[in-house]
Amino acid sequence: MTGQVFSDCLVPSYIEAINRIIDSGQITYDVAGMKNLCSQLRSEFADQSANEMNATLRGQYPEELGQWLVSSI
């Protein structure tokens, strides 16, 4: 099963990263899979420069996304 995320997020690279991870086929659509997705997102943006937006992409965004996804399952 695959999926695709559409969003009006002001950071298109974040949505592209989510879709790339989903397309990899390594994500399961359960609590463990959603936590894995968020972990991969943190890693995806960990190596980028330490500006405020990248800190948000590593920390706040995956945390909030993970909480929402897990509560929706």
N, C-alpha and C. Protein backbone atom coordinates (compact mmCIF):
# COMPACT_ATOMS: atom_id res chain seq x y z
N MET A 1 0.85 -1.17 0.00
CA MET A 1 0.00 0.00 0.00
C MET A 1 0.90 1.24 0.00
N THR A 2 0.56 2.20 -0.81
CA THR A 2 1.30 3.46 -0.83
C THR A 2 0.33 4.60 -0.59
N GLY A 3 0.86 5.75 -0.41
CA GLY A 3 0.05 6.93 -0.21
C GLY A 3 0.79 8.14 -0.72
N GLN A 4 0.14 9.27 -0.65
CA GLN A 4 0.77 10.52 -1.05
C GLN A 4 0.19 11.64 -0.21
N VAL A 5 1.04 12.56 0.18
CA VAL A 5 0.64 13.69 1.01
C VAL A 5 0.56 14.93 0.14
N PHE A 6 -0.53 15.65 0.28
CA PHE A 6 -0.71 16.96 -0.37
C PHE A 6 -0.87 17.98 0.74
N SER A 7 -0.26 19.14 0.58
CA SER A 7 -0.33 20.15 1.63
C SER A 7 -0.04 21.53 1.06
N ASP A 8 -0.52 22.53 1.76
CA ASP A 8 -0.16 23.91 1.43
C ASP A 8 0.95 24.40 2.37
N CYS A 9 1.69 23.45 2.91
CA CYS A 9 2.82 23.74 3.80
C CYS A 9 3.77 24.72 3.13
N LEU A 10 4.29 25.65 3.89
CA LEU A 10 5.21 26.65 3.35
C LEU A 10 6.62 26.11 3.15
N VAL A 11 6.81 24.83 3.44
CA VAL A 11 8.11 24.19 3.26
C VAL A 11 7.91 22.98 2.34
N PRO A 12 7.84 23.20 1.03
CA PRO A 12 7.57 22.09 0.11
C PRO A 12 8.57 20.95 0.23
N SER A 13 9.81 21.24 0.58
CA SER A 13 10.80 20.17 0.70
C SER A 13 10.43 19.18 1.80
N TYR A 14 9.69 19.63 2.79
CA TYR A 14 9.25 18.75 3.88
C TYR A 14 8.21 17.76 3.36
N ILE A 15 7.26 18.25 2.59
CA ILE A 15 6.23 17.38 2.02
C ILE A 15 6.86 16.43 1.00
N GLU A 16 7.80 16.93 0.23
CA GLU A 16 8.51 16.06 -0.73
C GLU A 16 9.25 14.95 0.01
N ALA A 17 9.85 15.26 1.15
CA ALA A 17 10.55 14.25 1.93
C ALA A 17 9.58 13.20 2.46
N ILE A 18 8.42 13.63 2.95
CA ILE A 18 7.41 12.69 3.42
C ILE A 18 7.02 11.75 2.29
N ASN A 19 6.74 12.29 1.12
CA ASN A 19 6.33 11.46 -0.01
C ASN A 19 7.45 10.52 -0.45
N ARG A 20 8.68 10.97 -0.43
CA ARG A 20 9.82 10.13 -0.80
C ARG A 20 9.95 8.95 0.18
N ILE A 21 9.76 9.22 1.46
CA ILE A 21 9.84 8.17 2.47
C ILE A 21 8.69 7.18 2.28
N ILE A 22 7.49 7.68 2.05
CA ILE A 22 6.34 6.81 1.82
C ILE A 22 6.56 5.95 0.58
N ASP A 23 7.07 6.57 -0.49
CA ASP A 23 7.30 5.84 -1.74
C ASP A 23 8.39 4.77 -1.62
N SER A 24 9.23 4.87 -0.60
CA SER A 24 10.31 3.89 -0.44
C SER A 24 9.77 2.50 -0.14
N GLY A 25 8.52 2.43 0.31
CA GLY A 25 7.92 1.13 0.64
C GLY A 25 8.36 0.59 1.99
N GLN A 26 9.09 1.38 2.77
CA GLN A 26 9.59 0.92 4.07
C GLN A 26 8.68 1.32 5.22
N ILE A 27 7.60 2.00 4.92
CA ILE A 27 6.71 2.51 5.97
C ILE A 27 5.47 1.63 6.05
N THR A 28 5.13 1.22 7.26
CA THR A 28 3.87 0.51 7.49
C THR A 28 2.86 1.52 8.02
N TYR A 29 1.62 1.25 7.76
CA TYR A 29 0.56 2.18 8.16
C TYR A 29 -0.03 1.75 9.50
N ASP A 30 0.85 1.79 10.51
CA ASP A 30 0.48 1.51 11.89
C ASP A 30 1.30 2.44 12.78
N VAL A 31 1.15 2.32 14.09
CA VAL A 31 1.84 3.22 15.01
C VAL A 31 3.36 3.15 14.81
N ALA A 32 3.91 1.95 14.71
CA ALA A 32 5.35 1.80 14.53
C ALA A 32 5.81 2.45 13.22
N GLY A 33 5.02 2.29 12.16
CA GLY A 33 5.37 2.87 10.87
C GLY A 33 5.35 4.38 10.89
N MET A 34 4.39 4.96 11.58
CA MET A 34 4.31 6.42 11.65
C MET A 34 5.46 6.99 12.48
N LYS A 35 5.84 6.27 13.54
CA LYS A 35 7.00 6.69 14.31
C LYS A 35 8.27 6.58 13.47
N ASN A 36 8.35 5.54 12.65
CA ASN A 36 9.49 5.37 11.74
C ASN A 36 9.54 6.51 10.73
N LEU A 37 8.40 6.88 10.17
CA LEU A 37 8.33 8.00 9.23
C LEU A 37 8.89 9.26 9.88
N CYS A 38 8.45 9.57 11.08
CA CYS A 38 8.90 10.78 11.77
C CYS A 38 10.38 10.72 12.10
N SER A 39 10.87 9.55 12.46
CA SER A 39 12.29 9.38 12.73
C SER A 39 13.11 9.64 11.47
N GLN A 40 12.64 9.13 10.34
CA GLN A 40 13.33 9.36 9.08
C GLN A 40 13.31 10.83 8.69
N LEU A 41 12.21 11.51 8.99
CA LEU A 41 12.14 12.95 8.72
C LEU A 41 13.17 13.72 9.54
N ARG A 42 13.31 13.35 10.82
CA ARG A 42 14.32 14.00 11.67
C ARG A 42 15.70 13.81 11.06
N SER A 43 15.98 12.59 10.63
CA SER A 43 17.29 12.29 10.04
C SER A 43 17.49 13.04 8.73
N GLU A 44 16.44 13.13 7.93
CA GLU A 44 16.51 13.79 6.63
C GLU A 44 17.00 15.23 6.76
N PHE A 45 16.56 15.91 7.80
CA PHE A 45 16.88 17.33 7.97
C PHE A 45 17.98 17.57 9.01
N ALA A 46 18.53 16.52 9.58
CA ALA A 46 19.55 16.67 10.63
C ALA A 46 20.86 17.23 10.10
N ASP A 47 21.20 16.90 8.86
CA ASP A 47 22.49 17.31 8.32
C ASP A 47 22.47 18.70 7.69
N GLN A 48 21.33 19.31 7.64
CA GLN A 48 21.24 20.63 7.02
C GLN A 48 21.68 21.70 8.02
N SER A 49 21.95 22.87 7.52
CA SER A 49 22.47 23.95 8.36
C SER A 49 21.56 24.20 9.56
N ALA A 50 22.15 24.64 10.61
CA ALA A 50 21.44 24.80 11.88
C ALA A 50 20.72 26.14 11.96
N ASN A 51 19.81 26.38 11.04
CA ASN A 51 19.01 27.59 11.16
C ASN A 51 17.69 27.26 11.84
N GLU A 52 16.91 28.26 12.14
CA GLU A 52 15.68 28.06 12.91
C GLU A 52 14.70 27.13 12.20
N MET A 53 14.52 27.28 10.88
CA MET A 53 13.57 26.44 10.17
C MET A 53 14.00 24.98 10.19
N ASN A 54 15.27 24.70 9.97
CA ASN A 54 15.72 23.32 9.99
C ASN A 54 15.59 22.72 11.38
N ALA A 55 15.78 23.52 12.41
CA ALA A 55 15.57 23.03 13.77
C ALA A 55 14.10 22.65 13.96
N THR A 56 13.21 23.43 13.40
CA THR A 56 11.77 23.13 13.46
C THR A 56 11.47 21.85 12.67
N LEU A 57 12.09 21.70 11.51
CA LEU A 57 11.85 20.52 10.67
C LEU A 57 12.37 19.26 11.35
N ARG A 58 13.42 19.38 12.15
CA ARG A 58 13.97 18.22 12.87
C ARG A 58 13.19 17.92 14.13
N GLY A 59 12.70 18.95 14.79
CA GLY A 59 12.12 18.78 16.12
C GLY A 59 10.61 18.89 16.17
N GLN A 60 10.11 20.10 16.05
CA GLN A 60 8.69 20.37 16.26
C GLN A 60 7.81 19.68 15.23
N TYR A 61 8.14 19.79 13.96
CA TYR A 61 7.28 19.22 12.93
C TYR A 61 7.12 17.71 13.06
N PRO A 62 8.22 16.94 13.14
CA PRO A 62 8.03 15.48 13.25
C PRO A 62 7.31 15.08 14.53
N GLU A 63 7.58 15.80 15.62
CA GLU A 63 6.93 15.48 16.89
C GLU A 63 5.42 15.69 16.78
N GLU A 64 5.01 16.83 16.26
CA GLU A 64 3.58 17.12 16.14
C GLU A 64 2.92 16.21 15.10
N LEU A 65 3.59 15.97 13.99
CA LEU A 65 3.06 15.08 12.97
C LEU A 65 2.88 13.68 13.54
N GLY A 66 3.88 13.20 14.27
CA GLY A 66 3.81 11.87 14.86
C GLY A 66 2.65 11.75 15.84
N GLN A 67 2.47 12.75 16.69
CA GLN A 67 1.37 12.72 17.65
C GLN A 67 0.02 12.68 16.94
N TRP A 68 -0.11 13.49 15.89
CA TRP A 68 -1.37 13.52 15.14
C TRP A 68 -1.62 12.20 14.43
N LEU A 69 -0.60 11.67 13.77
CA LEU A 69 -0.78 10.40 13.04
C LEU A 69 -1.11 9.26 13.99
N VAL A 70 -0.40 9.15 15.08
CA VAL A 70 -0.63 8.06 16.02
C VAL A 70 -2.03 8.17 16.65
N SER A 71 -2.46 9.39 16.96
CA SER A 71 -3.80 9.55 17.53
C SER A 71 -4.91 9.29 16.53
N SER A 72 -4.56 9.35 15.24
CA SER A 72 -5.56 9.14 14.18
C SER A 72 -5.70 7.67 13.79
N ILE A 73 -4.77 6.85 14.24
CA ILE A 73 -4.80 5.42 13.85
C ILE A 73 -5.82 4.69 14.69
